[in-house]
Amino acid sequence: MARAGLISNLREQVPYLLISSQNGLNRAERPCRYIADFVYIQDGKEIVEDSKGMRTDTYIVKRKLMLMVHGISVLET
């Protein structure tokens, strides 16, 4: 698609912060990130795409957090 000129600014393995690091009572919690397989521009819009063989529970939660935190709906292919 990039070679055909249908998309531009193709990037792979793009991280998005979902939950920042936190310090709890007994331990520090690491940040939670979603790593997008592909991010690109198509028709003037940024598309975040994930190529899934199987939807895990963790992926589903992170997909929902992407929408809540960043307002991004992940395109699944």
PDB file of N, CA and C in Angstrom:
ATOM      1  N   MET A   1       0.819  -1.191   0.000  1.00  0.00           N
ATOM      2  CA  MET A   1       0.000   0.000   0.000  1.00  0.00           C
ATOM      3  C   MET A   1       0.871   1.266   0.000  1.00  0.00           C
ATOM      4  N   ALA A   2       1.982   1.200   0.723  1.00  0.00           N
ATOM      5  CA  ALA A   2       2.879   2.358   0.757  1.00  0.00           C
ATOM      6  C   ALA A   2       3.516   2.582  -0.612  1.00  0.00           C
ATOM      7  N   ARG A   3       3.956   1.497  -1.246  1.00  0.00           N
ATOM      8  CA  ARG A   3       4.576   1.618  -2.575  1.00  0.00           C
ATOM      9  C   ARG A   3       3.587   2.110  -3.621  1.00  0.00           C
ATOM     10  N   ALA A   4       2.322   1.744  -3.445  1.00  0.00           N
ATOM     11  CA  ALA A   4       1.278   2.163  -4.393  1.00  0.00           C
ATOM     12  C   ALA A   4       0.805   3.591  -4.122  1.00  0.00           C
ATOM     13  N   GLY A   5       1.279   4.183  -3.031  1.00  0.00           N
ATOM     14  CA  GLY A   5       0.889   5.549  -2.707  1.00  0.00           C
ATOM     15  C   GLY A   5      -0.466   5.673  -2.025  1.00  0.00           C
ATOM     16  N   LEU A   6      -1.012   4.550  -1.565  1.00  0.00           N
ATOM     17  CA  LEU A   6      -2.313   4.579  -0.898  1.00  0.00           C
ATOM     18  C   LEU A   6      -2.217   5.047   0.554  1.00  0.00           C
ATOM     19  N   ILE A   7      -1.033   4.836   1.157  1.00  0.00           N
ATOM     20  CA  ILE A   7      -0.792   5.285   2.526  1.00  0.00           C
ATOM     21  C   ILE A   7       0.549   5.993   2.587  1.00  0.00           C
ATOM     22  N   SER A   8       0.756   6.757   3.661  1.00  0.00           N
ATOM     23  CA  SER A   8       2.051   7.423   3.849  1.00  0.00           C
ATOM     24  C   SER A   8       2.442   7.348   5.316  1.00  0.00           C
ATOM     25  N   ASN A   9       3.683   7.695   5.594  1.00  0.00           N
ATOM     26  CA  ASN A   9       4.221   7.749   6.961  1.00  0.00           C
ATOM     27  C   ASN A   9       4.021   6.423   7.695  1.00  0.00           C
ATOM     28  N   LEU A  10       4.309   5.314   7.033  1.00  0.00           N
ATOM     29  CA  LEU A  10       4.158   3.992   7.626  1.00  0.00           C
ATOM     30  C   LEU A  10       5.210   3.784   8.711  1.00  0.00           C
ATOM     31  N   ARG A  11       4.747   3.401   9.902  1.00  0.00           N
ATOM     32  CA  ARG A  11       5.635   3.094  11.024  1.00  0.00           C
ATOM     33  C   ARG A  11       5.217   1.746  11.601  1.00  0.00           C
ATOM     34  N   GLU A  12       6.185   1.008  12.140  1.00  0.00           N
ATOM     35  CA  GLU A  12       5.925  -0.302  12.729  1.00  0.00           C
ATOM     36  C   GLU A  12       6.289  -0.304  14.203  1.00  0.00           C
ATOM     37  N   GLN A  13       5.556  -1.116  14.972  1.00  0.00           N
ATOM     38  CA  GLN A  13       5.818  -1.312  16.400  1.00  0.00           C
ATOM     39  C   GLN A  13       5.839   0.021  17.161  1.00  0.00           C
ATOM     40  N   VAL A  14       4.760   0.769  17.047  1.00  0.00           N
ATOM     41  CA  VAL A  14       4.641   2.093  17.662  1.00  0.00           C
ATOM     42  C   VAL A  14       4.026   1.950  19.058  1.00  0.00           C
ATOM     43  N   PRO A  15       4.748   2.407  20.110  1.00  0.00           N
ATOM     44  CA  PRO A  15       4.211   2.285  21.470  1.00  0.00           C
ATOM     45  C   PRO A  15       3.272   3.436  21.832  1.00  0.00           C
ATOM     46  N   TYR A  16       2.223   3.108  22.585  1.00  0.00           N
ATOM     47  CA  TYR A  16       1.285   4.090  23.124  1.00  0.00           C
ATOM     48  C   TYR A  16       1.190   3.846  24.630  1.00  0.00           C
ATOM     49  N   LEU A  17       1.362   4.877  25.428  1.00  0.00           N
ATOM     50  CA  LEU A  17       1.244   4.755  26.873  1.00  0.00           C
ATOM     51  C   LEU A  17      -0.229   4.700  27.256  1.00  0.00           C
ATOM     52  N   LEU A  18      -0.610   3.671  28.004  1.00  0.00           N
ATOM     53  CA  LEU A  18      -1.993   3.516  28.434  1.00  0.00           C
ATOM     54  C   LEU A  18      -2.163   3.885  29.908  1.00  0.00           C
ATOM     55  N   ILE A  19      -1.246   3.418  30.741  1.00  0.00           N
ATOM     56  CA  ILE A  19      -1.263   3.726  32.168  1.00  0.00           C
ATOM     57  C   ILE A  19       0.173   4.031  32.579  1.00  0.00           C
ATOM     58  N   SER A  20       0.389   5.196  33.159  1.00  0.00           N
ATOM     59  CA  SER A  20       1.750   5.572  33.555  1.00  0.00           C
ATOM     60  C   SER A  20       2.197   4.780  34.781  1.00  0.00           C
ATOM     61  N   SER A  21       3.491   4.803  35.044  1.00  0.00           N
ATOM     62  CA  SER A  21       4.019   4.098  36.215  1.00  0.00           C
ATOM     63  C   SER A  21       3.448   4.721  37.486  1.00  0.00           C
ATOM     64  N   GLN A  22       3.307   3.885  38.508  1.00  0.00           N
ATOM     65  CA  GLN A  22       2.719   4.336  39.766  1.00  0.00           C
ATOM     66  C   GLN A  22       3.480   3.710  40.923  1.00  0.00           C
ATOM     67  N   ASN A  23       3.487   4.421  42.045  1.00  0.00           N
ATOM     68  CA  ASN A  23       4.100   3.881  43.261  1.00  0.00           C
ATOM     69  C   ASN A  23       3.005   3.507  44.237  1.00  0.00           C
ATOM     70  N   GLY A  24       2.918   2.210  44.526  1.00  0.00           N
ATOM     71  CA  GLY A  24       1.941   1.718  45.482  1.00  0.00           C
ATOM     72  C   GLY A  24       2.544   1.658  46.873  1.00  0.00           C
ATOM     73  N   LEU A  25       1.800   1.118  47.800  1.00  0.00           N
ATOM     74  CA  LEU A  25       2.251   1.008  49.178  1.00  0.00           C
ATOM     75  C   LEU A  25       3.483   0.117  49.308  1.00  0.00           C
ATOM     76  N   ASN A  26       3.425  -1.038  48.653  1.00  0.00           N
ATOM     77  CA  ASN A  26       4.506  -2.010  48.811  1.00  0.00           C
ATOM     78  C   ASN A  26       5.388  -2.186  47.587  1.00  0.00           C
ATOM     79  N   ARG A  27       4.983  -1.576  46.479  1.00  0.00           N
ATOM     80  CA  ARG A  27       5.795  -1.774  45.272  1.00  0.00           C
ATOM     81  C   ARG A  27       5.478  -0.707  44.227  1.00  0.00           C
ATOM     82  N   ALA A  28       6.388  -0.561  43.300  1.00  0.00           N
ATOM     83  CA  ALA A  28       6.191   0.337  42.168  1.00  0.00           C
ATOM     84  C   ALA A  28       5.590  -0.471  41.022  1.00  0.00           C
ATOM     85  N   GLU A  29       4.640   0.116  40.344  1.00  0.00           N
ATOM     86  CA  GLU A  29       4.020  -0.549  39.190  1.00  0.00           C
ATOM     87  C   GLU A  29       4.604   0.039  37.909  1.00  0.00           C
ATOM     88  N   ARG A  30       4.982  -0.829  37.000  1.00  0.00           N
ATOM     89  CA  ARG A  30       5.513  -0.383  35.717  1.00  0.00           C
ATOM     90  C   ARG A  30       4.392   0.184  34.854  1.00  0.00           C
ATOM     91  N   PRO A  31       4.753   1.016  33.874  1.00  0.00           N
ATOM     92  CA  PRO A  31       3.711   1.538  32.979  1.00  0.00           C
ATOM     93  C   PRO A  31       3.141   0.432  32.092  1.00  0.00           C
ATOM     94  N   CYS A  32       1.936   0.661  31.589  1.00  0.00           N
ATOM     95  CA  CYS A  32       1.274  -0.270  30.680  1.00  0.00           C
ATOM     96  C   CYS A  32       1.236   0.387  29.306  1.00  0.00           C
ATOM     97  N   ARG A  33       1.725  -0.322  28.300  1.00  0.00           N
ATOM     98  CA  ARG A  33       1.776   0.217  26.944  1.00  0.00           C
ATOM     99  C   ARG A  33       1.080  -0.731  25.969  1.00  0.00           C
ATOM    100  N   TYR A  34       0.567  -0.132  24.919  1.00  0.00           N
ATOM    101  CA  TYR A  34       0.058  -0.899  23.781  1.00  0.00           C
ATOM    102  C   TYR A  34       1.042  -0.675  22.647  1.00  0.00           C
ATOM    103  N   ILE A  35       1.480  -1.730  22.001  1.00  0.00           N
ATOM    104  CA  ILE A  35       2.397  -1.634  20.865  1.00  0.00           C
ATOM    105  C   ILE A  35       1.603  -1.930  19.599  1.00  0.00           C
ATOM    106  N   ALA A  36       1.403  -0.912  18.778  1.00  0.00           N
ATOM    107  CA  ALA A  36       0.666  -1.086  17.521  1.00  0.00           C
ATOM    108  C   ALA A  36       1.572  -1.731  16.484  1.00  0.00           C
ATOM    109  N   ASP A  37       1.022  -2.676  15.739  1.00  0.00           N
ATOM    110  CA  ASP A  37       1.801  -3.307  14.673  1.00  0.00           C
ATOM    111  C   ASP A  37       2.153  -2.291  13.590  1.00  0.00           C
ATOM    112  N   PHE A  38       1.149  -1.513  13.154  1.00  0.00           N
ATOM    113  CA  PHE A  38       1.357  -0.530  12.089  1.00  0.00           C
ATOM    114  C   PHE A  38       0.591   0.750  12.400  1.00  0.00           C
ATOM    115  N   VAL A  39       1.197   1.872  12.086  1.00  0.00           N
ATOM    116  CA  VAL A  39       0.535   3.175  12.152  1.00  0.00           C
ATOM    117  C   VAL A  39       0.876   3.883  10.847  1.00  0.00           C
ATOM    118  N   TYR A  40      -0.151   4.455  10.191  1.00  0.00           N
ATOM    119  CA  TYR A  40       0.080   5.123   8.918  1.00  0.00           C
ATOM    120  C   TYR A  40      -1.019   6.154   8.675  1.00  0.00           C
ATOM    121  N   ILE A  41      -0.802   6.970   7.662  1.00  0.00           N
ATOM    122  CA  ILE A  41      -1.776   7.978   7.259  1.00  0.00           C
ATOM    123  C   ILE A  41      -2.473   7.485   5.998  1.00  0.00           C
ATOM    124  N   GLN A  42      -3.812   7.481   6.032  1.00  0.00           N
ATOM    125  CA  GLN A  42      -4.612   7.108   4.866  1.00  0.00           C
ATOM    126  C   GLN A  42      -5.767   8.093   4.749  1.00  0.00           C
ATOM    127  N   ASP A  43      -5.871   8.735   3.606  1.00  0.00           N
ATOM    128  CA  ASP A  43      -6.912   9.737   3.357  1.00  0.00           C
ATOM    129  C   ASP A  43      -6.910  10.832   4.425  1.00  0.00           C
ATOM    130  N   GLY A  44      -5.704  11.222   4.872  1.00  0.00           N
ATOM    131  CA  GLY A  44      -5.558  12.300   5.835  1.00  0.00           C
ATOM    132  C   GLY A  44      -5.823  11.914   7.277  1.00  0.00           C
ATOM    133  N   LYS A  45      -6.078  10.633   7.551  1.00  0.00           N
ATOM    134  CA  LYS A  45      -6.369  10.175   8.908  1.00  0.00           C
ATOM    135  C   LYS A  45      -5.291   9.201   9.368  1.00  0.00           C
ATOM    136  N   GLU A  46      -4.947   9.281  10.653  1.00  0.00           N
ATOM    137  CA  GLU A  46      -3.991   8.326  11.214  1.00  0.00           C
ATOM    138  C   GLU A  46      -4.721   7.019  11.527  1.00  0.00           C
ATOM    139  N   ILE A  47      -4.182   5.923  11.026  1.00  0.00           N
ATOM    140  CA  ILE A  47      -4.751   4.597  11.231  1.00  0.00           C
ATOM    141  C   ILE A  47      -3.798   3.794  12.105  1.00  0.00           C
ATOM    142  N   VAL A  48      -4.327   3.196  13.162  1.00  0.00           N
ATOM    143  CA  VAL A  48      -3.563   2.295  14.020  1.00  0.00           C
ATOM    144  C   VAL A  48      -4.092   0.895  13.729  1.00  0.00           C
ATOM    145  N   GLU A  49      -3.219   0.030  13.249  1.00  0.00           N
ATOM    146  CA  GLU A  49      -3.638  -1.299  12.789  1.00  0.00           C
ATOM    147  C   GLU A  49      -2.911  -2.388  13.556  1.00  0.00           C
ATOM    148  N   ASP A  50      -3.643  -3.411  13.897  1.00  0.00           N
ATOM    149  CA  ASP A  50      -3.072  -4.563  14.573  1.00  0.00           C
ATOM    150  C   ASP A  50      -3.432  -5.811  13.793  1.00  0.00           C
ATOM    151  N   SER A  51      -2.425  -6.621  13.510  1.00  0.00           N
ATOM    152  CA  SER A  51      -2.631  -7.869  12.785  1.00  0.00           C
ATOM    153  C   SER A  51      -2.715  -8.996  13.809  1.00  0.00           C
ATOM    154  N   LYS A  52      -3.908  -9.519  14.002  1.00  0.00           N
ATOM    155  CA  LYS A  52      -4.141 -10.498  15.060  1.00  0.00           C
ATOM    156  C   LYS A  52      -4.458 -11.868  14.493  1.00  0.00           C
ATOM    157  N   GLY A  53      -3.810 -12.875  15.050  1.00  0.00           N
ATOM    158  CA  GLY A  53      -4.175 -14.244  14.759  1.00  0.00           C
ATOM    159  C   GLY A  53      -5.231 -14.697  15.751  1.00  0.00           C
ATOM    160  N   MET A  54      -5.083 -14.194  17.000  1.00  0.00           N
ATOM    161  CA  MET A  54      -6.028 -14.541  18.055  1.00  0.00           C
ATOM    162  C   MET A  54      -6.155 -13.355  19.004  1.00  0.00           C
ATOM    163  N   ARG A  55      -7.376 -13.026  19.388  1.00  0.00           N
ATOM    164  CA  ARG A  55      -7.612 -11.929  20.328  1.00  0.00           C
ATOM    165  C   ARG A  55      -7.487 -12.458  21.754  1.00  0.00           C
ATOM    166  N   THR A  56      -6.427 -12.054  22.431  1.00  0.00           N
ATOM    167  CA  THR A  56      -6.262 -12.460  23.825  1.00  0.00           C
ATOM    168  C   THR A  56      -7.036 -11.503  24.724  1.00  0.00           C
ATOM    169  N   ASP A  57      -7.268 -11.914  25.964  1.00  0.00           N
ATOM    170  CA  ASP A  57      -7.943 -11.047  26.921  1.00  0.00           C
ATOM    171  C   ASP A  57      -7.142  -9.764  27.153  1.00  0.00           C
ATOM    172  N   THR A  58      -5.824  -9.894  27.219  1.00  0.00           N
ATOM    173  CA  THR A  58      -4.965  -8.727  27.422  1.00  0.00           C
ATOM    174  C   THR A  58      -5.106  -7.756  26.265  1.00  0.00           C
ATOM    175  N   TYR A  59      -5.102  -8.266  25.036  1.00  0.00           N
ATOM    176  CA  TYR A  59      -5.261  -7.399  23.873  1.00  0.00           C
ATOM    177  C   TYR A  59      -6.601  -6.664  23.915  1.00  0.00           C
ATOM    178  N   ILE A  60      -7.669  -7.363  24.255  1.00  0.00           N
ATOM    179  CA  ILE A  60      -8.996  -6.740  24.270  1.00  0.00           C
ATOM    180  C   ILE A  60      -9.046  -5.584  25.264  1.00  0.00           C
ATOM    181  N   VAL A  61      -8.457  -5.770  26.444  1.00  0.00           N
ATOM    182  CA  VAL A  61      -8.424  -4.697  27.439  1.00  0.00           C
ATOM    183  C   VAL A  61      -7.596  -3.520  26.921  1.00  0.00           C
ATOM    184  N   LYS A  62      -6.440  -3.804  26.332  1.00  0.00           N
ATOM    185  CA  LYS A  62      -5.591  -2.726  25.817  1.00  0.00           C
ATOM    186  C   LYS A  62      -6.264  -2.001  24.644  1.00  0.00           C
ATOM    187  N   ARG A  63      -6.988  -2.727  23.811  1.00  0.00           N
ATOM    188  CA  ARG A  63      -7.730  -2.103  22.711  1.00  0.00           C
ATOM    189  C   ARG A  63      -8.773  -1.126  23.260  1.00  0.00           C
ATOM    190  N   LYS A  64      -9.465  -1.530  24.305  1.00  0.00           N
ATOM    191  CA  LYS A  64     -10.462  -0.660  24.931  1.00  0.00           C
ATOM    192  C   LYS A  64      -9.813   0.546  25.592  1.00  0.00           C
ATOM    193  N   LEU A  65      -8.656   0.344  26.206  1.00  0.00           N
ATOM    194  CA  LEU A  65      -7.926   1.460  26.803  1.00  0.00           C
ATOM    195  C   LEU A  65      -7.434   2.437  25.740  1.00  0.00           C
ATOM    196  N   MET A  66      -7.044   1.941  24.573  1.00  0.00           N
ATOM    197  CA  MET A  66      -6.633   2.834  23.477  1.00  0.00           C
ATOM    198  C   MET A  66      -7.770   3.786  23.122  1.00  0.00           C
ATOM    199  N   LEU A  67      -8.991   3.279  23.078  1.00  0.00           N
ATOM    200  CA  LEU A  67     -10.142   4.110  22.759  1.00  0.00           C
ATOM    201  C   LEU A  67     -10.422   5.100  23.896  1.00  0.00           C
ATOM    202  N   MET A  68     -10.362   4.637  25.130  1.00  0.00           N
ATOM    203  CA  MET A  68     -10.663   5.496  26.265  1.00  0.00           C
ATOM    204  C   MET A  68      -9.591   6.572  26.495  1.00  0.00           C
ATOM    205  N   VAL A  69      -8.330   6.190  26.438  1.00  0.00           N
ATOM    206  CA  VAL A  69      -7.227   7.096  26.768  1.00  0.00           C
ATOM    207  C   VAL A  69      -6.859   7.994  25.606  1.00  0.00           C
ATOM    208  N   HIS A  70      -6.777   7.436  24.393  1.00  0.00           N
ATOM    209  CA  HIS A  70      -6.293   8.186  23.235  1.00  0.00           C
ATOM    210  C   HIS A  70      -7.376   8.510  22.210  1.00  0.00           C
ATOM    211  N   GLY A  71      -8.565   7.932  22.366  1.00  0.00           N
ATOM    212  CA  GLY A  71      -9.628   8.155  21.383  1.00  0.00           C
ATOM    213  C   GLY A  71      -9.355   7.480  20.053  1.00  0.00           C
ATOM    214  N   ILE A  72      -8.584   6.393  20.108  1.00  0.00           N
ATOM    215  CA  ILE A  72      -8.175   5.679  18.893  1.00  0.00           C
ATOM    216  C   ILE A  72      -8.849   4.316  18.848  1.00  0.00           C
ATOM    217  N   SER A  73      -9.575   4.043  17.770  1.00  0.00           N
ATOM    218  CA  SER A  73     -10.122   2.713  17.511  1.00  0.00           C
ATOM    219  C   SER A  73      -9.100   1.944  16.692  1.00  0.00           C
ATOM    220  N   VAL A  74      -8.676   0.805  17.196  1.00  0.00           N
ATOM    221  CA  VAL A  74      -7.668   0.002  16.518  1.00  0.00           C
ATOM    222  C   VAL A  74      -8.322  -0.798  15.396  1.00  0.00           C
ATOM    223  N   LEU A  75      -7.744  -0.718  14.211  1.00  0.00           N
ATOM    224  CA  LEU A  75      -8.199  -1.511  13.069  1.00  0.00           C
ATOM    225  C   LEU A  75      -7.577  -2.889  13.176  1.00  0.00           C
ATOM    226  N   GLU A  76      -8.398  -3.922  13.195  1.00  0.00           N
ATOM    227  CA  GLU A  76      -7.900  -5.294  13.296  1.00  0.00           C
ATOM    228  C   GLU A  76      -7.924  -5.949  11.924  1.00  0.00           C
ATOM    229  N   THR A  77      -6.800  -6.542  11.552  1.00  0.00           N
ATOM    230  CA  THR A  77      -6.727  -7.246  10.261  1.00  0.00           C
ATOM    231  C   THR A  77      -6.226  -8.650  10.479  1.00  0.00           C
TER     232      THR A  77
END
